[in-house]
């Protein structure tokens, strides 16, 4: 199993960022990570972007592991 930890944020000027880290649960080691910066963002958009980018990364790299996503965003958790 891969545990994916996501987060997103946005400042009052609209500059946002997102990040994710994938951890192999059995080995407790970081398998992948990524982040990005966006202009004209919102906090909810950045929280969602982090989760979406993590899933896209798993898909593009053809990793065949079950995943569990962790987020501090009620918006993301409710959306899933």
PDB file of N, CA and C in Angstrom:
ATOM      1  N   UNK A   1       0.844  -1.174   0.000  1.00  0.00           N
ATOM      2  CA  UNK A   1       0.000   0.000   0.000  1.00  0.00           C
ATOM      3  C   UNK A   1       0.890   1.239   0.000  1.00  0.00           C
ATOM      4  N   UNK A   2       0.442   2.244  -0.753  1.00  0.00           N
ATOM      5  CA  UNK A   2       1.110   3.547  -0.775  1.00  0.00           C
ATOM      6  C   UNK A   2       0.203   4.544  -0.051  1.00  0.00           C
ATOM      7  N   UNK A   3       0.746   5.194   0.964  1.00  0.00           N
ATOM      8  CA  UNK A   3       0.042   6.275   1.655  1.00  0.00           C
ATOM      9  C   UNK A   3       0.485   7.578   1.015  1.00  0.00           C
ATOM     10  N   UNK A   4      -0.481   8.367   0.569  1.00  0.00           N
ATOM     11  CA  UNK A   4      -0.179   9.640  -0.098  1.00  0.00           C
ATOM     12  C   UNK A   4      -0.673  10.775   0.795  1.00  0.00           C
ATOM     13  N   UNK A   5       0.250  11.657   1.154  1.00  0.00           N
ATOM     14  CA  UNK A   5      -0.060  12.804   1.994  1.00  0.00           C
ATOM     15  C   UNK A   5      -0.075  14.044   1.102  1.00  0.00           C
ATOM     16  N   UNK A   6      -1.176  14.784   1.135  1.00  0.00           N
ATOM     17  CA  UNK A   6      -1.333  15.934   0.247  1.00  0.00           C
ATOM     18  C   UNK A   6      -1.594  17.201   1.048  1.00  0.00           C
ATOM     19  N   UNK A   7      -1.249  18.334   0.437  1.00  0.00           N
ATOM     20  CA  UNK A   7      -1.589  19.619   1.039  1.00  0.00           C
ATOM     21  C   UNK A   7      -1.576  20.693  -0.038  1.00  0.00           C
ATOM     22  N   UNK A   8      -2.337  21.727   0.208  1.00  0.00           N
ATOM     23  CA  UNK A   8      -2.395  22.871  -0.687  1.00  0.00           C
ATOM     24  C   UNK A   8      -2.610  24.131   0.123  1.00  0.00           C
ATOM     25  N   UNK A   9      -2.195  25.262  -0.432  1.00  0.00           N
ATOM     26  CA  UNK A   9      -2.377  26.528   0.275  1.00  0.00           C
ATOM     27  C   UNK A   9      -2.450  27.667  -0.729  1.00  0.00           C
ATOM     28  N   UNK A  10      -2.916  28.811  -0.234  1.00  0.00           N
ATOM     29  CA  UNK A  10      -3.037  29.984  -1.087  1.00  0.00           C
ATOM     30  C   UNK A  10      -2.932  31.225  -0.207  1.00  0.00           C
ATOM     31  N   UNK A  11      -2.191  32.232  -0.678  1.00  0.00           N
ATOM     32  CA  UNK A  11      -2.123  33.473   0.090  1.00  0.00           C
ATOM     33  C   UNK A  11      -3.188  34.451  -0.391  1.00  0.00           C
ATOM     34  N   UNK A  12      -3.296  35.585   0.268  1.00  0.00           N
ATOM     35  CA  UNK A  12      -4.346  36.560  -0.057  1.00  0.00           C
ATOM     36  C   UNK A  12      -4.182  37.162  -1.449  1.00  0.00           C
ATOM     37  N   UNK A  13      -2.976  37.130  -1.985  1.00  0.00           N
ATOM     38  CA  UNK A  13      -2.726  37.666  -3.324  1.00  0.00           C
ATOM     39  C   UNK A  13      -3.084  36.667  -4.423  1.00  0.00           C
ATOM     40  N   UNK A  14      -3.450  35.432  -4.055  1.00  0.00           N
ATOM     41  CA  UNK A  14      -3.843  34.433  -5.036  1.00  0.00           C
ATOM     42  C   UNK A  14      -2.714  33.536  -5.507  1.00  0.00           C
ATOM     43  N   UNK A  15      -1.550  33.611  -4.872  1.00  0.00           N
ATOM     44  CA  UNK A  15      -0.453  32.707  -5.229  1.00  0.00           C
ATOM     45  C   UNK A  15      -0.620  31.439  -4.403  1.00  0.00           C
ATOM     46  N   UNK A  16      -0.763  30.324  -5.101  1.00  0.00           N
ATOM     47  CA  UNK A  16      -1.027  29.062  -4.429  1.00  0.00           C
ATOM     48  C   UNK A  16       0.067  28.040  -4.654  1.00  0.00           C
ATOM     49  N   UNK A  17       0.055  27.026  -3.820  1.00  0.00           N
ATOM     50  CA  UNK A  17       1.001  25.922  -3.979  1.00  0.00           C
ATOM     51  C   UNK A  17       0.324  24.622  -3.547  1.00  0.00           C
ATOM     52  N   UNK A  18       0.838  23.537  -4.071  1.00  0.00           N
ATOM     53  CA  UNK A  18       0.336  22.204  -3.752  1.00  0.00           C
ATOM     54  C   UNK A  18       1.523  21.262  -3.640  1.00  0.00           C
ATOM     55  N   UNK A  19       1.350  20.170  -2.899  1.00  0.00           N
ATOM     56  CA  UNK A  19       2.426  19.188  -2.749  1.00  0.00           C
ATOM     57  C   UNK A  19       1.832  17.839  -2.365  1.00  0.00           C
ATOM     58  N   UNK A  20       2.593  16.792  -2.690  1.00  0.00           N
ATOM     59  CA  UNK A  20       2.227  15.450  -2.233  1.00  0.00           C
ATOM     60  C   UNK A  20       3.482  14.628  -2.010  1.00  0.00           C
ATOM     61  N   UNK A  21       3.348  13.651  -1.116  1.00  0.00           N
ATOM     62  CA  UNK A  21       4.417  12.705  -0.822  1.00  0.00           C
ATOM     63  C   UNK A  21       3.785  11.326  -0.773  1.00  0.00           C
ATOM     64  N   UNK A  22       4.374  10.376  -1.475  1.00  0.00           N
ATOM     65  CA  UNK A  22       3.929   8.990  -1.448  1.00  0.00           C
ATOM     66  C   UNK A  22       4.886   8.158  -0.617  1.00  0.00           C
ATOM     67  N   UNK A  23       4.363   7.428   0.355  1.00  0.00           N
ATOM     68  CA  UNK A  23       5.175   6.618   1.263  1.00  0.00           C
ATOM     69  C   UNK A  23       4.744   5.168   1.154  1.00  0.00           C
ATOM     70  N   UNK A  24       5.705   4.290   0.910  1.00  0.00           N
ATOM     71  CA  UNK A  24       5.419   2.850   0.889  1.00  0.00           C
ATOM     72  C   UNK A  24       5.199   2.415   2.330  1.00  0.00           C
ATOM     73  N   UNK A  25       4.006   1.966   2.633  1.00  0.00           N
ATOM     74  CA  UNK A  25       3.610   1.697   4.016  1.00  0.00           C
ATOM     75  C   UNK A  25       4.465   0.618   4.683  1.00  0.00           C
ATOM     76  N   UNK A  26       4.786  -0.438   3.971  1.00  0.00           N
ATOM     77  CA  UNK A  26       5.534  -1.544   4.571  1.00  0.00           C
ATOM     78  C   UNK A  26       6.981  -1.150   4.874  1.00  0.00           C
ATOM     79  N   UNK A  27       7.591  -0.356   4.007  1.00  0.00           N
ATOM     80  CA  UNK A  27       9.000   0.004   4.179  1.00  0.00           C
ATOM     81  C   UNK A  27       9.183   1.356   4.855  1.00  0.00           C
ATOM     82  N   UNK A  28       8.115   2.106   5.028  1.00  0.00           N
ATOM     83  CA  UNK A  28       8.163   3.461   5.602  1.00  0.00           C
ATOM     84  C   UNK A  28       9.193   4.348   4.897  1.00  0.00           C
ATOM     85  N   UNK A  29       9.238   4.244   3.582  1.00  0.00           N
ATOM     86  CA  UNK A  29      10.162   5.077   2.824  1.00  0.00           C
ATOM     87  C   UNK A  29       9.404   5.892   1.778  1.00  0.00           C
ATOM     88  N   UNK A  30       9.913   7.093   1.511  1.00  0.00           N
ATOM     89  CA  UNK A  30       9.306   7.954   0.497  1.00  0.00           C
ATOM     90  C   UNK A  30       9.571   7.351  -0.878  1.00  0.00           C
ATOM     91  N   UNK A  31       8.495   7.154  -1.639  1.00  0.00           N
ATOM     92  CA  UNK A  31       8.594   6.566  -2.972  1.00  0.00           C
ATOM     93  C   UNK A  31       8.589   7.660  -4.037  1.00  0.00           C
ATOM     94  N   UNK A  32       7.812   8.699  -3.819  1.00  0.00           N
ATOM     95  CA  UNK A  32       7.749   9.812  -4.761  1.00  0.00           C
ATOM     96  C   UNK A  32       7.243  11.058  -4.053  1.00  0.00           C
ATOM     97  N   UNK A  33       7.509  12.202  -4.664  1.00  0.00           N
ATOM     98  CA  UNK A  33       7.026  13.477  -4.145  1.00  0.00           C
ATOM     99  C   UNK A  33       7.035  14.501  -5.267  1.00  0.00           C
ATOM    100  N   UNK A  34       6.202  15.511  -5.136  1.00  0.00           N
ATOM    101  CA  UNK A  34       6.160  16.568  -6.149  1.00  0.00           C
ATOM    102  C   UNK A  34       5.443  17.775  -5.553  1.00  0.00           C
ATOM    103  N   UNK A  35       5.628  18.924  -6.187  1.00  0.00           N
ATOM    104  CA  UNK A  35       4.981  20.146  -5.737  1.00  0.00           C
ATOM    105  C   UNK A  35       4.863  21.099  -6.915  1.00  0.00           C
ATOM    106  N   UNK A  36       4.059  22.128  -6.752  1.00  0.00           N
ATOM    107  CA  UNK A  36       3.915  23.136  -7.794  1.00  0.00           C
ATOM    108  C   UNK A  36       3.411  24.448  -7.224  1.00  0.00           C
ATOM    109  N   UNK A  37       3.583  25.514  -8.000  1.00  0.00           N
ATOM    110  CA  UNK A  37       3.139  26.852  -7.633  1.00  0.00           C
ATOM    111  C   UNK A  37       2.241  27.370  -8.749  1.00  0.00           C
ATOM    112  N   UNK A  38       1.144  28.041  -8.372  1.00  0.00           N
ATOM    113  CA  UNK A  38       0.136  28.498  -9.329  1.00  0.00           C
ATOM    114  C   UNK A  38      -0.272  29.931  -8.975  1.00  0.00           C
ATOM    115  N   UNK A  39      -0.495  30.751  -9.980  1.00  0.00           N
ATOM    116  CA  UNK A  39      -1.059  32.083  -9.766  1.00  0.00           C
ATOM    117  C   UNK A  39      -2.573  32.017  -9.907  1.00  0.00           C
ATOM    118  N   UNK A  40      -3.264  32.993  -9.382  1.00  0.00           N
ATOM    119  CA  UNK A  40      -4.733  33.077  -9.445  1.00  0.00           C
ATOM    120  C   UNK A  40      -5.378  31.816  -8.885  1.00  0.00           C
ATOM    121  N   UNK A  41      -4.941  31.412  -7.714  1.00  0.00           N
ATOM    122  CA  UNK A  41      -5.411  30.174  -7.099  1.00  0.00           C
ATOM    123  C   UNK A  41      -6.382  30.458  -5.961  1.00  0.00           C
ATOM    124  N   UNK A  42      -7.038  29.398  -5.511  1.00  0.00           N
ATOM    125  CA  UNK A  42      -7.800  29.416  -4.266  1.00  0.00           C
ATOM    126  C   UNK A  42      -7.290  28.266  -3.402  1.00  0.00           C
ATOM    127  N   UNK A  43      -7.556  28.339  -2.119  1.00  0.00           N
ATOM    128  CA  UNK A  43      -7.102  27.288  -1.220  1.00  0.00           C
ATOM    129  C   UNK A  43      -7.708  25.933  -1.595  1.00  0.00           C
ATOM    130  N   UNK A  44      -9.022  25.900  -1.841  1.00  0.00           N
ATOM    131  CA  UNK A  44      -9.667  24.631  -2.201  1.00  0.00           C
ATOM    132  C   UNK A  44      -9.109  24.072  -3.500  1.00  0.00           C
ATOM    133  N   UNK A  45      -8.841  24.946  -4.458  1.00  0.00           N
ATOM    134  CA  UNK A  45      -8.271  24.485  -5.731  1.00  0.00           C
ATOM    135  C   UNK A  45      -6.908  23.826  -5.516  1.00  0.00           C
ATOM    136  N   UNK A  46      -6.091  24.405  -4.652  1.00  0.00           N
ATOM    137  CA  UNK A  46      -4.757  23.849  -4.394  1.00  0.00           C
ATOM    138  C   UNK A  46      -4.847  22.530  -3.627  1.00  0.00           C
ATOM    139  N   UNK A  47      -5.781  22.432  -2.688  1.00  0.00           N
ATOM    140  CA  UNK A  47      -5.979  21.174  -1.964  1.00  0.00           C
ATOM    141  C   UNK A  47      -6.387  20.067  -2.938  1.00  0.00           C
ATOM    142  N   UNK A  48      -7.331  20.364  -3.817  1.00  0.00           N
ATOM    143  CA  UNK A  48      -7.768  19.377  -4.823  1.00  0.00           C
ATOM    144  C   UNK A  48      -6.650  19.044  -5.803  1.00  0.00           C
ATOM    145  N   UNK A  49      -5.903  20.058  -6.223  1.00  0.00           N
ATOM    146  CA  UNK A  49      -4.818  19.850  -7.183  1.00  0.00           C
ATOM    147  C   UNK A  49      -3.792  18.869  -6.626  1.00  0.00           C
ATOM    148  N   UNK A  50      -3.452  18.999  -5.353  1.00  0.00           N
ATOM    149  CA  UNK A  50      -2.480  18.087  -4.742  1.00  0.00           C
ATOM    150  C   UNK A  50      -2.939  16.634  -4.856  1.00  0.00           C
ATOM    151  N   UNK A  51      -4.198  16.374  -4.537  1.00  0.00           N
ATOM    152  CA  UNK A  51      -4.723  15.005  -4.612  1.00  0.00           C
ATOM    153  C   UNK A  51      -4.789  14.511  -6.057  1.00  0.00           C
ATOM    154  N   UNK A  52      -5.254  15.363  -6.951  1.00  0.00           N
ATOM    155  CA  UNK A  52      -5.363  14.981  -8.365  1.00  0.00           C
ATOM    156  C   UNK A  52      -3.989  14.698  -8.957  1.00  0.00           C
ATOM    157  N   UNK A  53      -3.021  15.570  -8.690  1.00  0.00           N
ATOM    158  CA  UNK A  53      -1.660  15.373  -9.225  1.00  0.00           C
ATOM    159  C   UNK A  53      -1.049  14.077  -8.695  1.00  0.00           C
ATOM    160  N   UNK A  54      -1.320  13.737  -7.445  1.00  0.00           N
ATOM    161  CA  UNK A  54      -0.793  12.491  -6.877  1.00  0.00           C
ATOM    162  C   UNK A  54      -1.370  11.277  -7.602  1.00  0.00           C
ATOM    163  N   UNK A  55      -2.669  11.305  -7.843  1.00  0.00           N
ATOM    164  CA  UNK A  55      -3.316  10.201  -8.563  1.00  0.00           C
ATOM    165  C   UNK A  55      -2.805  10.128 -10.000  1.00  0.00           C
ATOM    166  N   UNK A  56      -2.644  11.269 -10.645  1.00  0.00           N
ATOM    167  CA  UNK A  56      -2.097  11.294 -12.007  1.00  0.00           C
ATOM    168  C   UNK A  56      -0.681  10.741 -12.029  1.00  0.00           C
ATOM    169  N   UNK A  57       0.117  11.065 -11.023  1.00  0.00           N
ATOM    170  CA  UNK A  57       1.484  10.552 -10.946  1.00  0.00           C
ATOM    171  C   UNK A  57       1.469   9.027 -10.843  1.00  0.00           C
ATOM    172  N   UNK A  58       0.626   8.495  -9.968  1.00  0.00           N
ATOM    173  CA  UNK A  58       0.523   7.037  -9.828  1.00  0.00           C
ATOM    174  C   UNK A  58       0.122   6.391 -11.150  1.00  0.00           C
ATOM    175  N   UNK A  59      -0.834   6.984 -11.823  1.00  0.00           N
ATOM    176  CA  UNK A  59      -1.310   6.440 -13.090  1.00  0.00           C
ATOM    177  C   UNK A  59      -0.241   6.489 -14.167  1.00  0.00           C
ATOM    178  N   UNK A  60       0.440   7.619 -14.294  1.00  0.00           N
ATOM    179  CA  UNK A  60       1.461   7.788 -15.335  1.00  0.00           C
ATOM    180  C   UNK A  60       2.664   6.874 -15.111  1.00  0.00           C
ATOM    181  N   UNK A  61       2.992   6.616 -13.859  1.00  0.00           N
ATOM    182  CA  UNK A  61       4.151   5.761 -13.578  1.00  0.00           C
ATOM    183  C   UNK A  61       3.779   4.280 -13.541  1.00  0.00           C
ATOM    184  N   UNK A  62       2.487   3.994 -13.742  1.00  0.00           N
ATOM    185  CA  UNK A  62       1.976   2.617 -13.806  1.00  0.00           C
ATOM    186  C   UNK A  62       2.265   1.820 -12.546  1.00  0.00           C
ATOM    187  N   UNK A  63       2.262   2.513 -11.408  1.00  0.00           N
ATOM    188  CA  UNK A  63       2.430   1.818 -10.126  1.00  0.00           C
ATOM    189  C   UNK A  63       1.164   1.017  -9.841  1.00  0.00           C
ATOM    190  N   UNK A  64       1.340  -0.213  -9.457  1.00  0.00           N
ATOM    191  CA  UNK A  64       0.216  -1.121  -9.219  1.00  0.00           C
ATOM    192  C   UNK A  64       0.044  -1.398  -7.726  1.00  0.00           C
ATOM    193  N   UNK A  65      -0.126  -0.353  -6.945  1.00  0.00           N
ATOM    194  CA  UNK A  65      -0.319  -0.496  -5.509  1.00  0.00           C
ATOM    195  C   UNK A  65      -1.659   0.110  -5.113  1.00  0.00           C
ATOM    196  N   UNK A  66      -2.313  -0.458  -4.109  1.00  0.00           N
ATOM    197  CA  UNK A  66      -3.477   0.242  -3.552  1.00  0.00           C
ATOM    198  C   UNK A  66      -2.978   1.528  -2.889  1.00  0.00           C
ATOM    199  N   UNK A  67      -3.816   2.558  -2.877  1.00  0.00           N
ATOM    200  CA  UNK A  67      -3.408   3.827  -2.276  1.00  0.00           C
ATOM    201  C   UNK A  67      -4.409   4.246  -1.205  1.00  0.00           C
ATOM    202  N   UNK A  68      -3.915   5.048  -0.288  1.00  0.00           N
ATOM    203  CA  UNK A  68      -4.741   5.694   0.717  1.00  0.00           C
ATOM    204  C   UNK A  68      -4.279   7.143   0.767  1.00  0.00           C
ATOM    205  N   UNK A  69      -5.216   8.072   0.556  1.00  0.00           N
ATOM    206  CA  UNK A  69      -4.868   9.487   0.514  1.00  0.00           C
ATOM    207  C   UNK A  69      -5.218  10.138   1.854  1.00  0.00           C
ATOM    208  N   UNK A  70      -4.271  10.906   2.377  1.00  0.00           N
ATOM    209  CA  UNK A  70      -4.461  11.658   3.611  1.00  0.00           C
ATOM    210  C   UNK A  70      -4.457  13.139   3.269  1.00  0.00           C
ATOM    211  N   UNK A  71      -5.435  13.866   3.806  1.00  0.00           N
ATOM    212  CA  UNK A  71      -5.548  15.302   3.548  1.00  0.00           C
ATOM    213  C   UNK A  71      -6.117  15.979   4.787  1.00  0.00           C
ATOM    214  N   UNK A  72      -5.714  17.227   5.011  1.00  0.00           N
ATOM    215  CA  UNK A  72      -6.299  17.996   6.114  1.00  0.00           C
ATOM    216  C   UNK A  72      -7.486  18.831   5.636  1.00  0.00           C
ATOM    217  N   UNK A  73      -7.903  18.632   4.385  1.00  0.00           N
ATOM    218  CA  UNK A  73      -8.978  19.414   3.786  1.00  0.00           C
ATOM    219  C   UNK A  73     -10.306  18.656   3.836  1.00  0.00           C
ATOM    220  N   UNK A  74     -11.268  19.215   4.553  1.00  0.00           N
ATOM    221  CA  UNK A  74     -12.603  18.616   4.587  1.00  0.00           C
ATOM    222  C   UNK A  74     -13.228  18.634   3.196  1.00  0.00           C
ATOM    223  N   UNK A  75     -12.884  19.622   2.391  1.00  0.00           N
ATOM    224  CA  UNK A  75     -13.390  19.734   1.024  1.00  0.00           C
ATOM    225  C   UNK A  75     -12.923  18.554   0.178  1.00  0.00           C
ATOM    226  N   UNK A  76     -11.658  18.202   0.263  1.00  0.00           N
ATOM    227  CA  UNK A  76     -11.115  17.058  -0.485  1.00  0.00           C
ATOM    228  C   UNK A  76     -11.691  15.756   0.038  1.00  0.00           C
ATOM    229  N   UNK A  77     -11.693  15.582   1.341  1.00  0.00           N
ATOM    230  CA  UNK A  77     -12.199  14.340   1.935  1.00  0.00           C
ATOM    231  C   UNK A  77     -13.666  14.140   1.582  1.00  0.00           C
ATOM    232  N   UNK A  78     -14.463  15.198   1.675  1.00  0.00           N
ATOM    233  CA  UNK A  78     -15.870  15.110   1.313  1.00  0.00           C
ATOM    234  C   UNK A  78     -16.075  14.828  -0.153  1.00  0.00           C
ATOM    235  N   UNK A  79     -15.178  15.352  -1.000  1.00  0.00           N
ATOM    236  CA  UNK A  79     -15.273  15.128  -2.444  1.00  0.00           C
ATOM    237  C   UNK A  79     -14.993  13.696  -2.838  1.00  0.00           C
ATOM    238  N   UNK A  80     -14.092  13.041  -2.119  1.00  0.00           N
ATOM    239  CA  UNK A  80     -13.792  11.657  -2.419  1.00  0.00           C
ATOM    240  C   UNK A  80     -14.892  10.772  -1.891  1.00  0.00           C
TER     241      UNK A  80
END
